[in-house]
Amino acid sequence: MRNRLGLIYSKLHSHFGPQHWWPAESPFEVMVGAILTQNTSWQNVEKAIANLKKHQVLNPRKIYNLPQAKLARLIRSTGYYNLKARRLKEFLKFFINEYAASVKKISQAKSGSLRKELLMVKGIGPETADSILLYALNKPVFVIDAYTKRIFSRHKLLPPDCAYPQAQGLFMSGLKKDARLFNEYHALLVALAKAYCRKSKPKCSVCPLDFL
């Protein structure tokens, strides 16, 4: 499997090129984006983050101190904005209380223990927690999403109904534990899913992975 994962990566990287993901100006911006991107497109998240910047509140304590109704209005473009406002505040409560809102301090935490802490925050599931670990904090943790499961199940490399830990284990055991590699690999899978391996009307005949 290690050789096959390496071949898939090479084919995708050759086809799409470097993805430069996650697009953000700071680790904290990535954390916010990881929570806001739940069940919405990145385009909608970008609008919300631009709004937070426009109002000069893209800061842990400033967002946390905002009235929830105002925060919800600022992130309205992401959908489920009242729920996401609550989830964002829950995360910020944890970030401020446990790590003094310091990216440096939270970056020094060990991946395993920090992941457990994140999963205890209401509203943060495995994908969001791993996105924060990988993209914001540069921890070698592979992110699994619906795109990844779709691609690998269609190529018979994972069962269609596989659980998150099973899918993640495929990559964590089959690849060198390298944050940069995990970052690029996941971003390439997202690019493939959007361009070819679509939920409906997939373009299998011209897919870069048609050799599998």
C-alpha atoms as a PDB file:
ATOM      1  CA  MET A   1       0.000   0.000   0.000  1.00  0.00           C
ATOM      2  CA  ARG A   2       2.885   2.380   0.703  1.00  0.00           C
ATOM      3  CA  ASN A   3       4.003   2.170  -2.948  1.00  0.00           C
ATOM      4  CA  ARG A   4       0.470   2.709  -4.210  1.00  0.00           C
ATOM      5  CA  LEU A   5      -0.058   5.751  -1.981  1.00  0.00           C
ATOM      6  CA  GLY A   6       3.230   7.169  -3.236  1.00  0.00           C
ATOM      7  CA  LEU A   7       2.217   6.603  -6.858  1.00  0.00           C
ATOM      8  CA  ILE A   8      -1.154   8.279  -6.314  1.00  0.00           C
ATOM      9  CA  TYR A   9       0.562  11.291  -4.783  1.00  0.00           C
ATOM     10  CA  SER A  10       3.051  11.523  -7.664  1.00  0.00           C
ATOM     11  CA  LYS A  11       0.305  11.345 -10.295  1.00  0.00           C
ATOM     12  CA  LEU A  12      -1.802  14.004  -8.574  1.00  0.00           C
ATOM     13  CA  HIS A  13       1.123  16.326  -7.915  1.00  0.00           C
ATOM     14  CA  SER A  14       2.227  16.023 -11.535  1.00  0.00           C
ATOM     15  CA  HIS A  15      -1.295  16.746 -12.761  1.00  0.00           C
ATOM     16  CA  PHE A  16      -2.362  19.570 -10.427  1.00  0.00           C
ATOM     17  CA  GLY A  17       0.922  20.980  -9.135  1.00  0.00           C
ATOM     18  CA  PRO A  18       1.451  22.417  -5.618  1.00  0.00           C
ATOM     19  CA  GLN A  19      -1.810  23.484  -3.959  1.00  0.00           C
ATOM     20  CA  HIS A  20      -0.494  25.989  -1.371  1.00  0.00           C
ATOM     21  CA  TRP A  21      -3.242  25.045   1.061  1.00  0.00           C
ATOM     22  CA  TRP A  22      -4.456  26.270   3.600  1.00  0.00           C
ATOM     23  CA  PRO A  23      -4.889  29.867   2.336  1.00  0.00           C
ATOM     24  CA  ALA A  24      -4.589  32.064   5.444  1.00  0.00           C
ATOM     25  CA  GLU A  25      -2.482  34.871   6.863  1.00  0.00           C
ATOM     26  CA  SER A  26      -1.978  33.293  10.297  1.00  0.00           C
ATOM     27  CA  PRO A  27      -2.390  30.019  12.210  1.00  0.00           C
ATOM     28  CA  PHE A  28      -5.291  31.520  14.141  1.00  0.00           C
ATOM     29  CA  GLU A  29      -7.057  32.354  10.889  1.00  0.00           C
ATOM     30  CA  VAL A  30      -6.707  28.675   9.937  1.00  0.00           C
ATOM     31  CA  MET A  31      -8.290  27.631  13.247  1.00  0.00           C
ATOM     32  CA  VAL A  32     -11.259  29.890  12.636  1.00  0.00           C
ATOM     33  CA  GLY A  33     -11.569  28.674   9.055  1.00  0.00           C
ATOM     34  CA  ALA A  34     -11.479  25.023  10.137  1.00  0.00           C
ATOM     35  CA  ILE A  35     -14.554  25.578  12.294  1.00  0.00           C
ATOM     36  CA  LEU A  36     -16.433  27.778   9.822  1.00  0.00           C
ATOM     37  CA  THR A  37     -15.886  25.461   6.846  1.00  0.00           C
ATOM     38  CA  GLN A  38     -18.069  22.720   8.338  1.00  0.00           C
ATOM     39  CA  ASN A  39     -20.860  21.978   5.833  1.00  0.00           C
ATOM     40  CA  THR A  40     -20.112  24.872   3.511  1.00  0.00           C
ATOM     41  CA  SER A  41     -17.820  25.905   0.670  1.00  0.00           C
ATOM     42  CA  TRP A  42     -14.491  27.595   1.217  1.00  0.00           C
ATOM     43  CA  GLN A  43     -15.739  30.582  -0.783  1.00  0.00           C
ATOM     44  CA  ASN A  44     -18.345  31.230   1.897  1.00  0.00           C
ATOM     45  CA  VAL A  45     -15.702  30.924   4.617  1.00  0.00           C
ATOM     46  CA  GLU A  46     -13.504  33.465   2.862  1.00  0.00           C
ATOM     47  CA  LYS A  47     -16.374  35.961   2.908  1.00  0.00           C
ATOM     48  CA  ALA A  48     -16.845  35.462   6.646  1.00  0.00           C
ATOM     49  CA  ILE A  49     -13.145  35.818   7.427  1.00  0.00           C
ATOM     50  CA  ALA A  50     -12.956  38.945   5.266  1.00  0.00           C
ATOM     51  CA  ASN A  51     -15.886  40.302   7.277  1.00  0.00           C
ATOM     52  CA  LEU A  52     -14.130  39.585  10.582  1.00  0.00           C
ATOM     53  CA  LYS A  53     -11.049  41.386   9.274  1.00  0.00           C
ATOM     54  CA  LYS A  54     -13.114  44.314   8.034  1.00  0.00           C
ATOM     55  CA  HIS A  55     -14.538  44.763  11.528  1.00  0.00           C
ATOM     56  CA  GLN A  56     -11.046  44.291  13.018  1.00  0.00           C
ATOM     57  CA  VAL A  57     -12.042  41.401  15.285  1.00  0.00           C
ATOM     58  CA  LEU A  58      -9.993  38.507  13.871  1.00  0.00           C
ATOM     59  CA  ASN A  59      -8.339  37.965  17.229  1.00  0.00           C
ATOM     60  CA  PRO A  60      -9.113  35.254  19.837  1.00  0.00           C
ATOM     61  CA  ARG A  61     -10.203  37.537  22.646  1.00  0.00           C
ATOM     62  CA  LYS A  62     -12.018  40.014  20.408  1.00  0.00           C
ATOM     63  CA  ILE A  63     -14.117  37.278  18.824  1.00  0.00           C
ATOM     64  CA  TYR A  64     -14.748  35.638  22.188  1.00  0.00           C
ATOM     65  CA  ASN A  65     -15.945  38.939  23.678  1.00  0.00           C
ATOM     66  CA  LEU A  66     -18.313  39.709  20.798  1.00  0.00           C
ATOM     67  CA  PRO A  67     -22.018  39.302  21.547  1.00  0.00           C
ATOM     68  CA  GLN A  68     -23.008  36.000  20.013  1.00  0.00           C
ATOM     69  CA  ALA A  69     -25.678  37.596  17.832  1.00  0.00           C
ATOM     70  CA  LYS A  70     -23.143  40.004  16.335  1.00  0.00           C
ATOM     71  CA  LEU A  71     -20.636  37.216  15.699  1.00  0.00           C
ATOM     72  CA  ALA A  72     -23.380  35.204  13.983  1.00  0.00           C
ATOM     73  CA  ARG A  73     -24.126  38.158  11.687  1.00  0.00           C
ATOM     74  CA  LEU A  74     -20.456  38.519  10.766  1.00  0.00           C
ATOM     75  CA  ILE A  75     -20.162  34.855   9.757  1.00  0.00           C
ATOM     76  CA  ARG A  76     -23.616  34.617   8.164  1.00  0.00           C
ATOM     77  CA  SER A  77     -22.180  33.601   4.763  1.00  0.00           C
ATOM     78  CA  THR A  78     -21.051  30.225   6.159  1.00  0.00           C
ATOM     79  CA  GLY A  79     -24.572  28.969   6.900  1.00  0.00           C
ATOM     80  CA  TYR A  80     -25.676  27.543  10.269  1.00  0.00           C
ATOM     81  CA  TYR A  81     -24.193  30.790  11.549  1.00  0.00           C
ATOM     82  CA  ASN A  82     -25.828  30.720  15.002  1.00  0.00           C
ATOM     83  CA  LEU A  83     -24.519  27.205  15.592  1.00  0.00           C
ATOM     84  CA  LYS A  84     -21.080  28.090  14.259  1.00  0.00           C
ATOM     85  CA  ALA A  85     -20.932  31.207  16.428  1.00  0.00           C
ATOM     86  CA  ARG A  86     -21.494  28.983  19.480  1.00  0.00           C
ATOM     87  CA  ARG A  87     -18.914  26.463  18.293  1.00  0.00           C
ATOM     88  CA  LEU A  88     -16.361  29.169  17.633  1.00  0.00           C
ATOM     89  CA  LYS A  89     -16.874  30.582  21.110  1.00  0.00           C
ATOM     90  CA  GLU A  90     -16.524  27.103  22.659  1.00  0.00           C
ATOM     91  CA  PHE A  91     -13.205  26.642  20.890  1.00  0.00           C
ATOM     92  CA  LEU A  92     -12.009  30.110  21.904  1.00  0.00           C
ATOM     93  CA  LYS A  93     -12.950  29.445  25.521  1.00  0.00           C
ATOM     94  CA  PHE A  94     -10.695  26.371  25.384  1.00  0.00           C
ATOM     95  CA  PHE A  95      -7.918  28.196  23.500  1.00  0.00           C
ATOM     96  CA  ILE A  96      -7.906  31.128  25.927  1.00  0.00           C
ATOM     97  CA  ASN A  97      -8.286  29.147  29.155  1.00  0.00           C
ATOM     98  CA  GLU A  98      -5.884  26.321  28.350  1.00  0.00           C
ATOM     99  CA  TYR A  99      -3.298  28.036  26.155  1.00  0.00           C
ATOM    100  CA  ALA A 100      -3.712  31.753  26.901  1.00  0.00           C
ATOM    101  CA  ALA A 101      -4.735  32.258  23.252  1.00  0.00           C
ATOM    102  CA  SER A 102      -1.098  31.637  22.299  1.00  0.00           C
ATOM    103  CA  VAL A 103      -0.323  29.837  19.038  1.00  0.00           C
ATOM    104  CA  LYS A 104       3.198  29.239  20.335  1.00  0.00           C
ATOM    105  CA  LYS A 105       1.919  27.501  23.480  1.00  0.00           C
ATOM    106  CA  ILE A 106      -0.623  25.315  21.723  1.00  0.00           C
ATOM    107  CA  SER A 107       1.958  24.407  19.065  1.00  0.00           C
ATOM    108  CA  GLN A 108       4.185  22.980  21.799  1.00  0.00           C
ATOM    109  CA  ALA A 109       1.536  20.482  22.905  1.00  0.00           C
ATOM    110  CA  LYS A 110       1.954  16.869  21.781  1.00  0.00           C
ATOM    111  CA  SER A 111      -0.296  15.882  18.884  1.00  0.00           C
ATOM    112  CA  GLY A 112      -2.018  12.977  20.624  1.00  0.00           C
ATOM    113  CA  SER A 113      -2.925  14.773  23.828  1.00  0.00           C
ATOM    114  CA  LEU A 114      -3.928  17.969  22.018  1.00  0.00           C
ATOM    115  CA  ARG A 115      -6.168  16.019  19.651  1.00  0.00           C
ATOM    116  CA  LYS A 116      -7.967  14.496  22.645  1.00  0.00           C
ATOM    117  CA  GLU A 117      -8.421  17.961  24.135  1.00  0.00           C
ATOM    118  CA  LEU A 118      -9.793  19.368  20.890  1.00  0.00           C
ATOM    119  CA  LEU A 119     -12.268  16.510  20.526  1.00  0.00           C
ATOM    120  CA  MET A 120     -13.631  17.340  23.969  1.00  0.00           C
ATOM    121  CA  VAL A 121     -14.573  20.843  22.789  1.00  0.00           C
ATOM    122  CA  LYS A 122     -18.257  20.905  21.866  1.00  0.00           C
ATOM    123  CA  GLY A 123     -18.711  21.124  18.107  1.00  0.00           C
ATOM    124  CA  ILE A 124     -15.240  19.910  17.141  1.00  0.00           C
ATOM    125  CA  GLY A 125     -15.103  16.512  15.473  1.00  0.00           C
ATOM    126  CA  PRO A 126     -12.151  14.529  14.075  1.00  0.00           C
ATOM    127  CA  GLU A 127     -11.931  16.360  10.735  1.00  0.00           C
ATOM    128  CA  THR A 128     -11.974  19.816  12.320  1.00  0.00           C
ATOM    129  CA  ALA A 129      -9.524  18.808  15.052  1.00  0.00           C
ATOM    130  CA  ASP A 130      -7.124  17.293  12.533  1.00  0.00           C
ATOM    131  CA  SER A 131      -7.405  20.333  10.255  1.00  0.00           C
ATOM    132  CA  ILE A 132      -6.342  22.534  13.168  1.00  0.00           C
ATOM    133  CA  LEU A 133      -3.469  20.177  14.033  1.00  0.00           C
ATOM    134  CA  LEU A 134      -2.166  19.870  10.475  1.00  0.00           C
ATOM    135  CA  TYR A 135      -2.891  23.195   8.822  1.00  0.00           C
ATOM    136  CA  ALA A 136      -2.660  25.596  11.755  1.00  0.00           C
ATOM    137  CA  LEU A 137      -0.067  23.869  13.940  1.00  0.00           C
ATOM    138  CA  ASN A 138       1.960  21.886  11.400  1.00  0.00           C
ATOM    139  CA  LYS A 139       1.446  18.556  13.178  1.00  0.00           C
ATOM    140  CA  PRO A 140       1.802  15.363  11.064  1.00  0.00           C
ATOM    141  CA  VAL A 141      -1.836  14.253  11.294  1.00  0.00           C
ATOM    142  CA  PHE A 142      -3.653  13.248   8.095  1.00  0.00           C
ATOM    143  CA  VAL A 143      -7.048  14.885   7.572  1.00  0.00           C
ATOM    144  CA  ILE A 144      -9.878  12.703   6.293  1.00  0.00           C
ATOM    145  CA  ASP A 145     -12.929  14.199   4.639  1.00  0.00           C
ATOM    146  CA  ALA A 146     -15.789  13.089   2.400  1.00  0.00           C
ATOM    147  CA  TYR A 147     -13.658  13.691  -0.696  1.00  0.00           C
ATOM    148  CA  THR A 148     -10.939  11.330   0.523  1.00  0.00           C
ATOM    149  CA  LYS A 149     -13.428   8.587   1.363  1.00  0.00           C
ATOM    150  CA  ARG A 150     -15.173   8.978  -1.993  1.00  0.00           C
ATOM    151  CA  ILE A 151     -11.963   8.708  -4.022  1.00  0.00           C
ATOM    152  CA  PHE A 152     -10.483   5.790  -2.148  1.00  0.00           C
ATOM    153  CA  SER A 153     -13.727   3.816  -1.927  1.00  0.00           C
ATOM    154  CA  ARG A 154     -14.324   4.209  -5.668  1.00  0.00           C
ATOM    155  CA  HIS A 155     -10.863   2.786  -6.289  1.00  0.00           C
ATOM    156  CA  LYS A 156     -11.537  -0.081  -3.860  1.00  0.00           C
ATOM    157  CA  LEU A 157      -8.818   1.074  -1.467  1.00  0.00           C
ATOM    158  CA  LEU A 158     -11.294   1.687   1.349  1.00  0.00           C
ATOM    159  CA  PRO A 159     -14.786   0.336   2.019  1.00  0.00           C
ATOM    160  CA  PRO A 160     -17.546   2.868   1.228  1.00  0.00           C
ATOM    161  CA  ASP A 161     -18.738   2.931   4.841  1.00  0.00           C
ATOM    162  CA  CYS A 162     -15.295   3.069   6.474  1.00  0.00           C
ATOM    163  CA  ALA A 163     -14.996   4.918   9.763  1.00  0.00           C
ATOM    164  CA  TYR A 164     -12.764   7.941  10.179  1.00  0.00           C
ATOM    165  CA  PRO A 165     -10.033   6.087  12.145  1.00  0.00           C
ATOM    166  CA  GLN A 166      -9.842   3.345   9.525  1.00  0.00           C
ATOM    167  CA  ALA A 167      -9.410   5.803   6.664  1.00  0.00           C
ATOM    168  CA  GLN A 168      -6.891   7.871   8.596  1.00  0.00           C
ATOM    169  CA  GLY A 169      -4.930   4.759   9.543  1.00  0.00           C
ATOM    170  CA  LEU A 170      -4.403   3.933   5.860  1.00  0.00           C
ATOM    171  CA  PHE A 171      -2.472   7.160   5.359  1.00  0.00           C
ATOM    172  CA  MET A 172      -0.798   7.376   8.745  1.00  0.00           C
ATOM    173  CA  SER A 173       0.657   3.883   8.396  1.00  0.00           C
ATOM    174  CA  GLY A 174       1.355   4.029   4.660  1.00  0.00           C
ATOM    175  CA  LEU A 175       3.114   7.380   4.425  1.00  0.00           C
ATOM    176  CA  LYS A 176       6.097   9.033   6.025  1.00  0.00           C
ATOM    177  CA  LYS A 177       4.831  11.102   8.957  1.00  0.00           C
ATOM    178  CA  ASP A 178       5.526  14.507   7.478  1.00  0.00           C
ATOM    179  CA  ALA A 179       3.211  17.496   7.921  1.00  0.00           C
ATOM    180  CA  ARG A 180       4.164  19.055   4.587  1.00  0.00           C
ATOM    181  CA  LEU A 181       3.449  15.793   2.746  1.00  0.00           C
ATOM    182  CA  PHE A 182       0.125  15.300   4.544  1.00  0.00           C
ATOM    183  CA  ASN A 183      -0.833  18.901   3.794  1.00  0.00           C
ATOM    184  CA  GLU A 184      -0.102  18.605   0.086  1.00  0.00           C
ATOM    185  CA  TYR A 185      -1.576  15.114  -0.281  1.00  0.00           C
ATOM    186  CA  HIS A 186      -4.905  16.050   1.261  1.00  0.00           C
ATOM    187  CA  ALA A 187      -5.121  19.253  -0.784  1.00  0.00           C
ATOM    188  CA  LEU A 188      -4.475  17.272  -3.977  1.00  0.00           C
ATOM    189  CA  LEU A 189      -7.258  14.838  -3.106  1.00  0.00           C
ATOM    190  CA  VAL A 190      -9.635  17.775  -2.650  1.00  0.00           C
ATOM    191  CA  ALA A 191      -8.589  19.124  -6.061  1.00  0.00           C
ATOM    192  CA  LEU A 192      -9.184  15.705  -7.648  1.00  0.00           C
ATOM    193  CA  ALA A 193     -12.626  15.345  -6.073  1.00  0.00           C
ATOM    194  CA  LYS A 194     -13.740  18.773  -7.251  1.00  0.00           C
ATOM    195  CA  ALA A 195     -12.426  18.425 -10.797  1.00  0.00           C
ATOM    196  CA  TYR A 196     -12.979  14.734 -11.570  1.00  0.00           C
ATOM    197  CA  CYS A 197     -14.209  12.490  -8.738  1.00  0.00           C
ATOM    198  CA  ARG A 198     -17.472  14.331  -8.286  1.00  0.00           C
ATOM    199  CA  LYS A 199     -20.330  13.017  -6.207  1.00  0.00           C
ATOM    200  CA  SER A 200     -22.506  12.842  -9.309  1.00  0.00           C
ATOM    201  CA  LYS A 201     -21.348  12.553 -12.928  1.00  0.00           C
ATOM    202  CA  PRO A 202     -17.698  11.756 -12.126  1.00  0.00           C
ATOM    203  CA  LYS A 203     -15.217  12.088 -14.999  1.00  0.00           C
ATOM    204  CA  CYS A 204     -13.673   8.648 -14.574  1.00  0.00           C
ATOM    205  CA  SER A 205     -12.472   8.274 -18.173  1.00  0.00           C
ATOM    206  CA  VAL A 206     -10.145  11.275 -17.925  1.00  0.00           C
ATOM    207  CA  CYS A 207      -9.251  10.984 -14.225  1.00  0.00           C
ATOM    208  CA  PRO A 208      -5.521  11.230 -13.417  1.00  0.00           C
ATOM    209  CA  LEU A 209      -5.987   8.058 -11.364  1.00  0.00           C
ATOM    210  CA  ASP A 210      -7.526   5.991 -14.183  1.00  0.00           C
ATOM    211  CA  PHE A 211      -4.527   3.632 -13.930  1.00  0.00           C
ATOM    212  CA  LEU A 212      -5.702   2.253 -10.571  1.00  0.00           C
END
